[in-house]
């Protein structure tokens, strides 16, 4: 999920830990199987067409806090959680999110890798922030509005892009910067940001020299059912 190496991870504000159980009767159905004694494979079905994606979460032990594994588009449909702790109880759930996206921007980066010299530069521009300003046409994401406006991507260096947009939502839970690399079939979340943010930088992956980007104001929906598995013994210790 991380889009750049430490110490540039300040761009991501990942959905953190929560011990609250999702509501029952949701439109997202989750299943899990053990592919091996220590490898779990999750799969989900989304019946609500308004759902844009899901946050995949897990917890260990009874009553443990949930930690986010991945933000995934609904098209993905599954997630593999490998190399788990042997002989341990794992609980999984997914939380649906939805919201409208703004304009799509295609960006071609110049040649160059993220070398030590580039990483040593000042990367304050990466930090998510709120740029104040007067905004017209503010509306509710939950009511189908709140579409981000004037989405722009400025190339900072061969592997860095500064994104800005107009925050037109009044009830968003956060923002997602989504990417579709050249040749990819769907957009996937690249950065998760807090509500009210309208400027954030991204350090791109090697396969994203040419890619399309968009920003989504999102709100959380209902959570799925909770599924549980217990991993097997560590075969190497026998």
Protein backbone atom coordinates (compact mmCIF):
# COMPACT_ATOMS: atom_id res chain seq x y z
CA UNK A 1 0.00 0.00 0.00
CA UNK A 2 2.83 2.40 0.75
CA UNK A 3 3.60 4.43 -2.33
CA UNK A 4 7.12 5.51 -1.45
CA UNK A 5 9.98 4.48 0.82
CA UNK A 6 10.49 5.74 4.34
CA UNK A 7 10.98 8.57 5.34
CA UNK A 8 8.60 10.03 2.77
CA UNK A 9 5.57 8.23 4.17
CA UNK A 10 4.00 11.41 5.53
CA UNK A 11 1.71 11.65 2.49
CA UNK A 12 -0.42 8.74 3.66
CA UNK A 13 -2.93 9.10 6.45
CA UNK A 14 -4.04 5.49 6.59
CA UNK A 15 -7.29 4.47 8.20
CA UNK A 16 -6.01 3.25 11.49
CA UNK A 17 -7.19 0.87 14.15
CA UNK A 18 -10.70 0.47 15.39
CA UNK A 19 -12.20 -2.22 17.56
CA UNK A 20 -15.78 -1.42 16.59
CA UNK A 21 -17.72 -4.14 14.83
CA UNK A 22 -19.35 -3.26 11.50
CA UNK A 23 -23.10 -3.20 11.26
CA UNK A 24 -24.89 -6.34 10.15
CA UNK A 25 -27.09 -6.70 7.11
CA UNK A 26 -24.75 -4.79 4.81
CA UNK A 27 -24.45 -5.08 1.06
CA UNK A 28 -20.91 -6.48 1.32
CA UNK A 29 -20.44 -10.19 1.90
CA UNK A 30 -16.98 -11.43 2.99
CA UNK A 31 -15.49 -14.92 2.97
CA UNK A 32 -12.08 -16.35 3.91
CA UNK A 33 -10.19 -19.58 3.30
CA UNK A 34 -6.76 -20.75 4.39
CA UNK A 35 -4.69 -21.31 1.26
CA UNK A 36 -2.01 -22.85 3.49
CA UNK A 37 -1.68 -23.11 7.29
CA UNK A 38 -0.39 -19.51 7.40
CA UNK A 39 -1.84 -17.87 4.26
CA UNK A 40 -5.38 -16.49 4.23
CA UNK A 41 -7.31 -15.47 1.13
CA UNK A 42 -10.25 -13.09 1.51
CA UNK A 43 -12.97 -12.62 -1.08
CA UNK A 44 -15.92 -10.25 -1.09
CA UNK A 45 -19.07 -9.57 -3.06
CA UNK A 46 -20.59 -6.10 -3.24
CA UNK A 47 -24.30 -5.92 -4.07
CA UNK A 48 -24.69 -2.13 -3.75
CA UNK A 49 -23.69 -0.39 -7.02
CA UNK A 50 -22.99 2.82 -5.12
CA UNK A 51 -19.99 1.28 -3.36
CA UNK A 52 -16.70 2.51 -4.84
CA UNK A 53 -14.30 0.31 -2.87
CA UNK A 54 -13.51 -1.34 0.44
CA UNK A 55 -10.97 -1.12 3.23
CA UNK A 56 -9.73 -4.60 4.16
CA UNK A 57 -9.08 -4.95 7.90
CA UNK A 58 -7.87 -7.64 10.30
CA UNK A 59 -7.47 -8.21 14.03
CA UNK A 60 -5.82 -10.90 16.12
CA UNK A 61 -7.19 -12.40 19.28
CA UNK A 62 -10.62 -11.92 20.78
CA UNK A 63 -11.58 -8.24 20.88
CA UNK A 64 -8.38 -7.09 19.19
CA UNK A 65 -8.14 -3.79 17.37
CA UNK A 66 -8.59 -3.80 13.62
CA UNK A 67 -5.76 -2.70 11.35
CA UNK A 68 -6.13 -1.77 7.67
CA UNK A 69 -4.44 -4.08 5.18
CA UNK A 70 -5.47 -2.37 1.95
CA UNK A 71 -7.88 0.02 0.30
CA UNK A 72 -9.17 -1.83 -2.76
CA UNK A 73 -11.54 -1.08 -5.65
CA UNK A 74 -14.63 -3.26 -5.78
CA UNK A 75 -13.35 -4.84 -9.00
CA UNK A 76 -10.46 -6.43 -7.12
CA UNK A 77 -12.76 -8.77 -5.21
CA UNK A 78 -10.08 -10.53 -3.14
CA UNK A 79 -6.99 -10.03 -1.01
CA UNK A 80 -4.25 -12.46 0.05
CA UNK A 81 -2.88 -12.08 3.59
CA UNK A 82 0.32 -14.18 3.66
CA UNK A 83 2.84 -15.37 6.24
CA UNK A 84 0.56 -15.13 9.25
CA UNK A 85 1.49 -15.92 12.85
CA UNK A 86 1.07 -19.69 13.38
CA UNK A 87 -1.58 -21.05 15.75
CA UNK A 88 -3.33 -17.68 16.03
CA UNK A 89 -6.93 -16.53 15.66
CA UNK A 90 -7.51 -13.91 12.94
CA UNK A 91 -10.66 -11.88 12.34
CA UNK A 92 -11.36 -10.05 9.09
CA UNK A 93 -13.89 -7.51 7.85
CA UNK A 94 -14.19 -5.01 5.03
CA UNK A 95 -15.67 -1.52 5.22
CA UNK A 96 -17.35 -0.11 2.14
CA UNK A 97 -16.77 3.45 1.00
CA UNK A 98 -18.36 5.52 -1.75
CA UNK A 99 -18.11 8.96 -3.28
CA UNK A 100 -17.77 10.81 -6.56
CA UNK A 101 -14.49 11.47 -8.38
CA UNK A 102 -13.30 14.61 -10.11
CA UNK A 103 -11.50 15.06 -13.41
CA UNK A 104 -8.95 12.51 -14.62
CA UNK A 105 -5.43 13.80 -15.30
CA UNK A 106 -2.92 11.87 -17.38
CA UNK A 107 0.65 12.63 -16.34
CA UNK A 108 3.88 11.55 -18.04
CA UNK A 109 6.93 11.86 -15.80
CA UNK A 110 10.42 12.59 -17.14
CA UNK A 111 13.09 9.87 -17.08
CA UNK A 112 14.89 9.26 -13.81
CA UNK A 113 14.83 7.06 -10.73
CA UNK A 114 14.27 7.89 -7.07
CA UNK A 115 17.95 7.96 -6.14
CA UNK A 116 19.63 9.05 -2.91
CA UNK A 117 20.06 12.60 -4.18
CA UNK A 118 16.38 12.98 -4.94
CA UNK A 119 15.36 11.51 -1.60
CA UNK A 120 17.66 13.97 0.18
CA UNK A 121 15.76 16.95 -1.27
CA UNK A 122 13.21 18.91 0.72
CA UNK A 123 9.91 17.03 0.43
CA UNK A 124 7.71 19.33 2.48
CA UNK A 125 5.41 19.57 -0.54
CA UNK A 126 4.46 15.91 -0.02
CA UNK A 127 2.76 16.59 3.32
CA UNK A 128 -1.07 16.66 3.07
CA UNK A 129 -2.47 20.08 3.94
CA UNK A 130 -5.48 22.33 3.63
CA UNK A 131 -5.04 25.43 1.50
CA UNK A 132 -7.68 27.98 2.60
CA UNK A 133 -9.96 29.64 0.08
CA UNK A 134 -13.53 30.56 -0.73
CA UNK A 135 -15.44 27.69 -2.36
CA UNK A 136 -18.81 27.85 -4.11
CA UNK A 137 -21.12 24.90 -4.72
CA UNK A 138 -20.36 22.88 -1.60
CA UNK A 139 -22.60 19.82 -1.26
CA UNK A 140 -23.00 16.42 0.41
CA UNK A 141 -21.00 13.35 -0.65
CA UNK A 142 -23.65 11.11 0.91
CA UNK A 143 -26.29 12.75 -1.27
CA UNK A 144 -24.23 12.16 -4.43
CA UNK A 145 -22.45 15.53 -4.50
CA UNK A 146 -19.19 16.90 -3.16
CA UNK A 147 -17.29 16.23 -6.39
CA UNK A 148 -13.73 17.62 -6.11
CA UNK A 149 -13.05 20.44 -8.56
CA UNK A 150 -10.08 21.85 -10.46
CA UNK A 151 -7.93 18.75 -9.92
CA UNK A 152 -4.32 19.42 -10.94
CA UNK A 153 -1.06 17.50 -10.90
CA UNK A 154 2.26 19.35 -10.97
CA UNK A 155 5.43 17.37 -11.69
CA UNK A 156 7.97 18.20 -8.97
CA UNK A 157 10.67 15.77 -10.09
CA UNK A 158 11.02 12.56 -12.09
CA UNK A 159 9.17 10.55 -9.44
CA UNK A 160 7.10 13.14 -7.60
CA UNK A 161 3.78 14.84 -8.29
CA UNK A 162 2.00 17.52 -6.26
CA UNK A 163 -1.78 17.25 -6.46
CA UNK A 164 -4.23 20.03 -5.62
CA UNK A 165 -8.00 20.30 -5.88
CA UNK A 166 -11.00 22.26 -4.67
CA UNK A 167 -12.76 20.68 -1.70
CA UNK A 168 -16.47 20.92 -2.49
CA UNK A 169 -17.70 18.39 0.07
CA UNK A 170 -19.20 19.24 3.43
CA UNK A 171 -19.50 15.76 4.94
CA UNK A 172 -16.62 13.66 3.57
CA UNK A 173 -14.76 11.20 5.79
CA UNK A 174 -11.62 11.62 3.71
CA UNK A 175 -10.05 11.79 0.27
CA UNK A 176 -8.44 9.17 -1.94
CA UNK A 177 -5.90 9.88 -4.66
CA UNK A 178 -6.36 7.07 -7.17
CA UNK A 179 -4.02 5.94 -9.92
CA UNK A 180 -4.29 3.86 -13.09
CA UNK A 181 -0.88 3.14 -14.55
CA UNK A 182 -0.53 2.82 -18.31
CA UNK A 183 -1.85 -0.62 -19.26
CA UNK A 184 -3.86 -1.09 -16.05
CA UNK A 185 -7.59 -1.77 -16.23
CA UNK A 186 -8.87 -0.04 -13.07
CA UNK A 187 -8.00 2.83 -10.76
CA UNK A 188 -6.59 1.84 -7.37
CA UNK A 189 -6.11 3.98 -4.24
CA UNK A 190 -2.60 5.42 -3.97
CA UNK A 191 -3.02 7.74 -0.97
CA UNK A 192 -5.62 8.04 1.77
CA UNK A 193 -6.09 11.52 3.21
CA UNK A 194 -8.06 13.15 5.98
CA UNK A 195 -11.21 15.20 5.43
CA UNK A 196 -10.59 18.79 4.41
CA UNK A 197 -7.24 18.13 2.72
CA UNK A 198 -6.89 19.69 -0.75
CA UNK A 199 -3.14 19.41 -1.40
CA UNK A 200 -0.87 16.37 -1.18
CA UNK A 201 2.20 15.00 -2.91
CA UNK A 202 2.86 11.51 -4.16
CA UNK A 203 6.08 9.62 -4.80
CA UNK A 204 5.25 7.31 -7.68
CA UNK A 205 6.12 3.67 -8.25
CA UNK A 206 8.46 2.61 -11.09
CA UNK A 207 5.53 1.41 -13.22
CA UNK A 208 3.77 4.76 -13.01
CA UNK A 209 5.96 6.86 -15.31
CA UNK A 210 2.82 7.32 -17.39
CA UNK A 211 -0.44 7.13 -15.47
CA UNK A 212 -3.87 8.62 -14.98
CA UNK A 213 -4.88 10.14 -11.64
CA UNK A 214 -8.08 11.30 -10.00
CA UNK A 215 -9.24 12.33 -6.53
CA UNK A 216 -12.30 11.01 -4.70
CA UNK A 217 -14.16 12.50 -1.73
CA UNK A 218 -15.46 9.47 0.14
CA UNK A 219 -17.75 8.51 2.99
CA UNK A 220 -17.83 5.25 4.88
CA UNK A 221 -20.71 2.89 4.38
CA UNK A 222 -21.62 -0.26 6.23
CA UNK A 223 -19.14 -2.94 7.15
CA UNK A 224 -19.32 -6.55 6.07
CA UNK A 225 -19.83 -9.62 8.19
CA UNK A 226 -16.81 -10.63 10.29
CA UNK A 227 -15.05 -13.87 9.30
CA UNK A 228 -12.55 -15.76 11.41
CA UNK A 229 -9.84 -18.36 10.89
CA UNK A 230 -7.21 -20.00 13.06
CA UNK A 231 -3.84 -20.55 11.47
CA UNK A 232 -2.04 -23.85 11.64
CA UNK A 233 1.14 -24.77 13.45
CA UNK A 234 4.54 -23.59 12.25
CA UNK A 235 5.75 -26.59 10.24
CA UNK A 236 9.37 -25.36 10.44
CA UNK A 237 9.36 -25.75 14.23
CA UNK A 238 8.28 -29.40 14.20
